[in-house]
Structures are given as structure tokens and as C-alpha cells.
N, C-alpha and C. Protein backbone atom coordinates (compact mmCIF):
# COMPACT_ATOMS: atom_id res chain seq x y z
N MET A 1 0.77 -1.21 -0.02
CA MET A 1 0.04 0.04 -0.02
C MET A 1 0.88 1.32 0.02
N ALA A 2 0.67 2.14 -0.90
CA ALA A 2 1.41 3.35 -1.06
C ALA A 2 0.81 4.42 -0.23
N ARG A 3 1.64 5.17 0.50
CA ARG A 3 1.17 6.26 1.26
C ARG A 3 1.83 7.45 0.79
N HIS A 4 1.26 8.63 1.05
CA HIS A 4 1.76 9.89 0.59
C HIS A 4 2.22 10.80 1.81
N ARG A 5 3.33 11.45 1.67
CA ARG A 5 3.80 12.30 2.78
C ARG A 5 4.07 13.69 2.19
N SER A 6 3.75 14.72 3.01
CA SER A 6 3.96 16.11 2.67
C SER A 6 5.42 16.46 2.96
N ALA A 7 6.15 17.05 2.03
CA ALA A 7 7.54 17.49 2.27
C ALA A 7 7.58 18.66 3.17
N ILE A 8 6.44 19.45 3.33
CA ILE A 8 6.44 20.66 4.01
C ILE A 8 6.24 20.33 5.54
N THR A 9 5.24 19.47 5.82
CA THR A 9 4.85 19.17 7.20
C THR A 9 5.42 17.91 7.65
N GLY A 10 5.71 16.92 6.77
CA GLY A 10 6.18 15.65 7.18
C GLY A 10 5.12 14.64 7.51
N ARG A 11 3.88 15.17 7.41
CA ARG A 11 2.72 14.28 7.84
C ARG A 11 2.26 13.51 6.59
N TYR A 12 1.51 12.41 6.91
CA TYR A 12 0.89 11.62 5.74
C TYR A 12 -0.33 12.33 5.24
N ILE A 13 -0.58 12.43 3.99
CA ILE A 13 -1.69 13.09 3.40
C ILE A 13 -2.45 12.14 2.55
N SER A 14 -3.65 12.55 2.14
CA SER A 14 -4.51 11.69 1.31
C SER A 14 -4.02 11.69 -0.09
N THR A 15 -4.53 10.80 -0.92
CA THR A 15 -4.18 10.64 -2.38
C THR A 15 -4.62 11.88 -3.06
N ALA A 16 -5.77 12.43 -2.81
CA ALA A 16 -6.22 13.63 -3.46
C ALA A 16 -5.37 14.82 -3.15
N ALA A 17 -4.90 14.95 -1.90
CA ALA A 17 -4.02 16.08 -1.57
C ALA A 17 -2.65 15.89 -2.31
N ALA A 18 -2.15 14.64 -2.35
CA ALA A 18 -0.86 14.45 -3.02
C ALA A 18 -1.04 14.82 -4.54
N ALA A 19 -2.19 14.55 -5.15
CA ALA A 19 -2.41 14.93 -6.53
C ALA A 19 -2.47 16.41 -6.76
N ARG A 20 -2.91 17.14 -5.77
CA ARG A 20 -3.03 18.61 -5.82
C ARG A 20 -1.66 19.23 -5.64
N HIS A 21 -0.85 18.61 -4.88
CA HIS A 21 0.47 19.21 -4.48
C HIS A 21 1.64 18.30 -5.00
N LEU A 22 1.82 18.15 -6.26
CA LEU A 22 2.87 17.13 -6.79
C LEU A 22 4.26 17.56 -6.41
N ARG A 23 4.60 18.85 -6.39
CA ARG A 23 5.97 19.20 -6.13
C ARG A 23 6.32 19.11 -4.67
N THR A 24 5.41 18.95 -3.79
CA THR A 24 5.76 18.98 -2.35
C THR A 24 5.26 17.70 -1.65
N SER A 25 4.95 16.60 -2.34
CA SER A 25 4.56 15.43 -1.79
C SER A 25 5.44 14.26 -2.43
N VAL A 26 5.62 13.22 -1.52
CA VAL A 26 6.32 12.02 -1.90
C VAL A 26 5.47 10.81 -1.57
N THR A 27 5.54 9.92 -2.55
CA THR A 27 4.78 8.61 -2.35
C THR A 27 5.79 7.63 -1.79
N VAL A 28 5.40 7.15 -0.58
CA VAL A 28 6.17 6.17 0.10
C VAL A 28 5.51 4.79 0.10
N SER A 29 6.26 3.78 -0.30
CA SER A 29 5.79 2.43 -0.28
C SER A 29 6.61 1.55 0.62
N GLY A 30 5.98 0.87 1.44
CA GLY A 30 6.78 0.06 2.39
C GLY A 30 7.28 0.84 3.56
N SER A 31 8.12 0.23 4.31
CA SER A 31 8.77 0.94 5.52
C SER A 31 10.22 1.11 5.17
N ASN A 32 10.80 2.04 5.95
CA ASN A 32 12.28 2.31 5.87
C ASN A 32 12.88 1.37 6.79
N LYS A 33 13.59 0.31 6.32
CA LYS A 33 14.19 -0.64 7.18
C LYS A 33 15.75 -0.37 7.44
N SER A 34 16.19 0.76 6.86
CA SER A 34 17.55 1.17 6.94
C SER A 34 17.73 1.77 8.31
N THR A 35 18.99 1.75 8.74
CA THR A 35 19.33 2.35 10.05
C THR A 35 19.89 3.79 9.86
N ALA A 36 20.06 4.15 8.63
CA ALA A 36 20.62 5.50 8.31
C ALA A 36 19.48 6.48 8.06
N THR A 37 19.83 7.78 8.21
CA THR A 37 18.88 8.88 7.86
C THR A 37 19.12 9.16 6.40
N THR A 38 18.03 9.19 5.59
CA THR A 38 18.11 9.53 4.22
C THR A 38 17.23 10.75 3.85
N HIS A 39 17.48 11.46 2.77
CA HIS A 39 16.80 12.59 2.34
C HIS A 39 16.32 12.31 0.96
N ARG A 40 15.11 12.65 0.61
CA ARG A 40 14.54 12.38 -0.74
C ARG A 40 13.86 13.64 -1.23
N SER A 41 14.28 14.00 -2.45
CA SER A 41 13.61 15.18 -3.07
C SER A 41 12.09 14.90 -3.43
N ALA A 42 11.18 15.79 -3.11
CA ALA A 42 9.78 15.59 -3.43
C ALA A 42 9.62 15.86 -4.90
N ILE A 43 10.40 16.64 -5.53
CA ILE A 43 10.34 16.99 -6.98
C ILE A 43 10.80 15.89 -7.84
N THR A 44 12.06 15.36 -7.55
CA THR A 44 12.52 14.32 -8.43
C THR A 44 12.31 12.97 -8.00
N GLY A 45 12.15 12.78 -6.67
CA GLY A 45 11.97 11.45 -6.06
C GLY A 45 13.32 10.77 -5.77
N ARG A 46 14.37 11.46 -6.08
CA ARG A 46 15.79 10.85 -5.90
C ARG A 46 16.31 11.21 -4.49
N TYR A 47 17.26 10.38 -4.01
CA TYR A 47 17.89 10.62 -2.75
C TYR A 47 18.79 11.84 -2.99
N VAL A 48 18.94 12.70 -1.99
CA VAL A 48 19.80 13.86 -2.10
C VAL A 48 20.69 13.91 -0.85
N THR A 49 21.71 14.74 -0.87
CA THR A 49 22.64 14.86 0.23
C THR A 49 22.11 15.62 1.29
N PRO A 50 22.63 15.60 2.56
CA PRO A 50 22.15 16.36 3.65
C PRO A 50 22.23 17.86 3.33
N ALA A 51 23.27 18.23 2.70
CA ALA A 51 23.40 19.75 2.33
C ALA A 51 22.36 20.21 1.48
N THR A 52 21.93 19.42 0.48
CA THR A 52 20.82 19.72 -0.42
C THR A 52 19.49 19.78 0.33
N ALA A 53 19.32 18.83 1.23
CA ALA A 53 18.09 18.80 2.06
C ALA A 53 18.00 20.00 2.96
N GLN A 54 19.12 20.49 3.46
CA GLN A 54 19.09 21.69 4.24
C GLN A 54 18.84 23.00 3.47
N ARG A 55 19.26 23.08 2.23
CA ARG A 55 18.97 24.20 1.33
C ARG A 55 17.54 24.27 0.90
N HIS A 56 16.94 23.08 0.75
CA HIS A 56 15.59 22.94 0.23
C HIS A 56 14.62 22.25 1.20
N PRO A 57 14.32 22.78 2.39
CA PRO A 57 13.56 22.07 3.44
C PRO A 57 12.11 21.77 3.03
N LYS A 58 11.58 22.65 2.19
CA LYS A 58 10.11 22.46 1.92
C LYS A 58 9.85 21.52 0.71
N THR A 59 10.87 21.11 0.11
CA THR A 59 10.73 20.14 -1.01
C THR A 59 11.52 18.76 -0.78
N THR A 60 11.96 18.58 0.51
CA THR A 60 12.80 17.38 0.79
C THR A 60 12.15 16.71 2.00
N VAL A 61 12.07 15.42 1.94
CA VAL A 61 11.53 14.55 3.00
C VAL A 61 12.63 13.85 3.71
N THR A 62 12.72 13.93 4.94
CA THR A 62 13.84 13.20 5.72
C THR A 62 13.25 11.98 6.29
N GLU A 63 13.88 10.82 5.96
CA GLU A 63 13.42 9.48 6.33
C GLU A 63 14.47 9.01 7.43
N ASN A 64 13.92 8.88 8.67
CA ASN A 64 14.83 8.35 9.72
C ASN A 64 14.74 6.79 9.80
N GLY A 65 15.88 6.17 9.78
CA GLY A 65 15.96 4.69 9.75
C GLY A 65 15.80 4.14 11.21
């Protein structure tokens, strides 16, 4: 089951809200089983460096392992 998370608030949002806010939402499937903290861009969906996440806090989701 895929869930959607807001990059701005970090909270889970509905599918309709994710469709309305494409640039600031990330679709998360499954759980993060890693022990490391990772950062993902809401715009591209790719993992980014901590420095990039710090420069773009409203479009980056931090996933704690």
C-alpha cells in the first residue's frame, strides 16, 4: 500500500491532496528498514545529500531509519 507524505509538514496526506500538490509530496511504499537517515527530493524522487536537504527544506523529506 502506497502512502503519501507532505515534504512541508512531514505528515501523511490523502491521495487527493498528493495529486493537488505534486511538487511537495512524496509517495512512500513500504517501510524504511535502513538504520541511516536519508533525504529524498519531493520534486525528483531521488535521494539527495544532507546539504541539499538543508537548502531545500520545503521540497525534501527526511526518512529516519
